[in-house]
Amino acid sequence: DIGHWDVPDMNEVTEEAYELVEKGIFSDDDFRDFVFVNPAEFWSSGNPEFFSGTVVEDAVRPVVQRR
């Protein structure tokens, strides 16, 4: 969980996660879903305004509207 409270450095976690792309296990689209689309859908499913007023609001909007 990249955003978990006990992750001291998110750069290290995402670097490790990206190895799935480098090893050919994930495509670029799979990786985007894994680190962005799936969490955005999860957090906005109970509250579509969850990301309102944040720096990712504009990026998340199409994901929320697609549901």
C-alpha atoms as a PDB file:
ATOM      1  CA  ASP A   1       0.000   0.000   0.000  1.00  0.00           C
ATOM      2  CA  ILE A   2       1.883   3.032  -1.296  1.00  0.00           C
ATOM      3  CA  GLY A   3       0.015   5.534   0.861  1.00  0.00           C
ATOM      4  CA  HIS A   4      -0.008   3.468   4.045  1.00  0.00           C
ATOM      5  CA  TRP A   5       0.862   5.345   7.239  1.00  0.00           C
ATOM      6  CA  ASP A   6       4.001   3.309   7.878  1.00  0.00           C
ATOM      7  CA  VAL A   7       5.658   3.952   4.492  1.00  0.00           C
ATOM      8  CA  PRO A   8       8.448   6.439   5.282  1.00  0.00           C
ATOM      9  CA  ASP A   9       9.421   7.156   1.661  1.00  0.00           C
ATOM     10  CA  MET A  10       6.836   6.753  -1.110  1.00  0.00           C
ATOM     11  CA  ASN A  11       9.569   7.069  -3.756  1.00  0.00           C
ATOM     12  CA  GLU A  12      11.026   3.736  -2.713  1.00  0.00           C
ATOM     13  CA  VAL A  13       7.657   1.999  -2.843  1.00  0.00           C
ATOM     14  CA  THR A  14       6.772   3.330  -6.292  1.00  0.00           C
ATOM     15  CA  GLU A  15      10.251   2.495  -7.585  1.00  0.00           C
ATOM     16  CA  GLU A  16       9.789  -1.093  -6.429  1.00  0.00           C
ATOM     17  CA  ALA A  17       6.253  -1.229  -7.863  1.00  0.00           C
ATOM     18  CA  TYR A  18       7.495  -0.002 -11.246  1.00  0.00           C
ATOM     19  CA  GLU A  19       9.705  -3.073 -11.454  1.00  0.00           C
ATOM     20  CA  LEU A  20       6.511  -4.902 -12.499  1.00  0.00           C
ATOM     21  CA  VAL A  21       6.616  -2.864 -15.720  1.00  0.00           C
ATOM     22  CA  GLU A  22      10.341  -3.320 -16.187  1.00  0.00           C
ATOM     23  CA  LYS A  23       9.942  -7.096 -15.847  1.00  0.00           C
ATOM     24  CA  GLY A  24       7.074  -7.148 -18.350  1.00  0.00           C
ATOM     25  CA  ILE A  25       4.485  -8.255 -15.789  1.00  0.00           C
ATOM     26  CA  PHE A  26       2.496  -5.009 -16.059  1.00  0.00           C
ATOM     27  CA  SER A  27       1.953  -2.802 -19.093  1.00  0.00           C
ATOM     28  CA  ASP A  28       2.125   0.974 -18.666  1.00  0.00           C
ATOM     29  CA  ASP A  29      -1.696   1.012 -18.576  1.00  0.00           C
ATOM     30  CA  ASP A  30      -1.734  -1.732 -15.926  1.00  0.00           C
ATOM     31  CA  PHE A  31       0.682   0.299 -13.808  1.00  0.00           C
ATOM     32  CA  ARG A  32      -1.440   3.445 -14.144  1.00  0.00           C
ATOM     33  CA  ASP A  33      -4.492   1.476 -13.046  1.00  0.00           C
ATOM     34  CA  PHE A  34      -2.552  -0.013 -10.133  1.00  0.00           C
ATOM     35  CA  VAL A  35      -1.160   3.235  -8.718  1.00  0.00           C
ATOM     36  CA  PHE A  36      -3.786   5.767  -9.816  1.00  0.00           C
ATOM     37  CA  VAL A  37      -7.096   4.588 -11.271  1.00  0.00           C
ATOM     38  CA  ASN A  38      -7.846   1.840  -8.738  1.00  0.00           C
ATOM     39  CA  PRO A  39      -7.075   4.014  -5.683  1.00  0.00           C
ATOM     40  CA  ALA A  40      -9.016   6.944  -7.195  1.00  0.00           C
ATOM     41  CA  GLU A  41     -12.033   4.712  -7.785  1.00  0.00           C
ATOM     42  CA  PHE A  42     -11.765   3.235  -4.300  1.00  0.00           C
ATOM     43  CA  TRP A  43     -11.512   6.540  -2.437  1.00  0.00           C
ATOM     44  CA  SER A  44     -14.176   8.283  -4.509  1.00  0.00           C
ATOM     45  CA  SER A  45     -16.664   5.397  -4.522  1.00  0.00           C
ATOM     46  CA  GLY A  46     -18.125   6.350  -1.157  1.00  0.00           C
ATOM     47  CA  ASN A  47     -17.714  10.075  -1.697  1.00  0.00           C
ATOM     48  CA  PRO A  48     -17.374  11.386  -5.272  1.00  0.00           C
ATOM     49  CA  GLU A  49     -16.076  14.682  -3.846  1.00  0.00           C
ATOM     50  CA  PHE A  50     -13.266  13.008  -1.874  1.00  0.00           C
ATOM     51  CA  PHE A  51     -10.538  14.611  -4.025  1.00  0.00           C
ATOM     52  CA  SER A  52     -12.199  18.031  -4.390  1.00  0.00           C
ATOM     53  CA  GLY A  53      -9.806  20.824  -3.512  1.00  0.00           C
ATOM     54  CA  THR A  54      -6.707  18.628  -3.829  1.00  0.00           C
ATOM     55  CA  VAL A  55      -3.875  18.809  -6.341  1.00  0.00           C
ATOM     56  CA  VAL A  56      -5.170  15.643  -8.051  1.00  0.00           C
ATOM     57  CA  GLU A  57      -8.783  16.807  -8.390  1.00  0.00           C
ATOM     58  CA  ASP A  58      -8.526  17.490 -12.145  1.00  0.00           C
ATOM     59  CA  ALA A  59      -6.787  14.173 -12.828  1.00  0.00           C
ATOM     60  CA  VAL A  60      -9.314  12.198 -10.791  1.00  0.00           C
ATOM     61  CA  ARG A  61     -12.417  13.869 -12.264  1.00  0.00           C
ATOM     62  CA  PRO A  62     -12.546  11.685 -15.441  1.00  0.00           C
ATOM     63  CA  VAL A  63     -12.159   8.546 -13.320  1.00  0.00           C
ATOM     64  CA  VAL A  64     -15.075   9.560 -11.085  1.00  0.00           C
ATOM     65  CA  GLN A  65     -17.240  10.599 -14.030  1.00  0.00           C
ATOM     66  CA  ARG A  66     -16.558   7.316 -15.836  1.00  0.00           C
ATOM     67  CA  ARG A  67     -18.130   5.315 -13.021  1.00  0.00           C
END
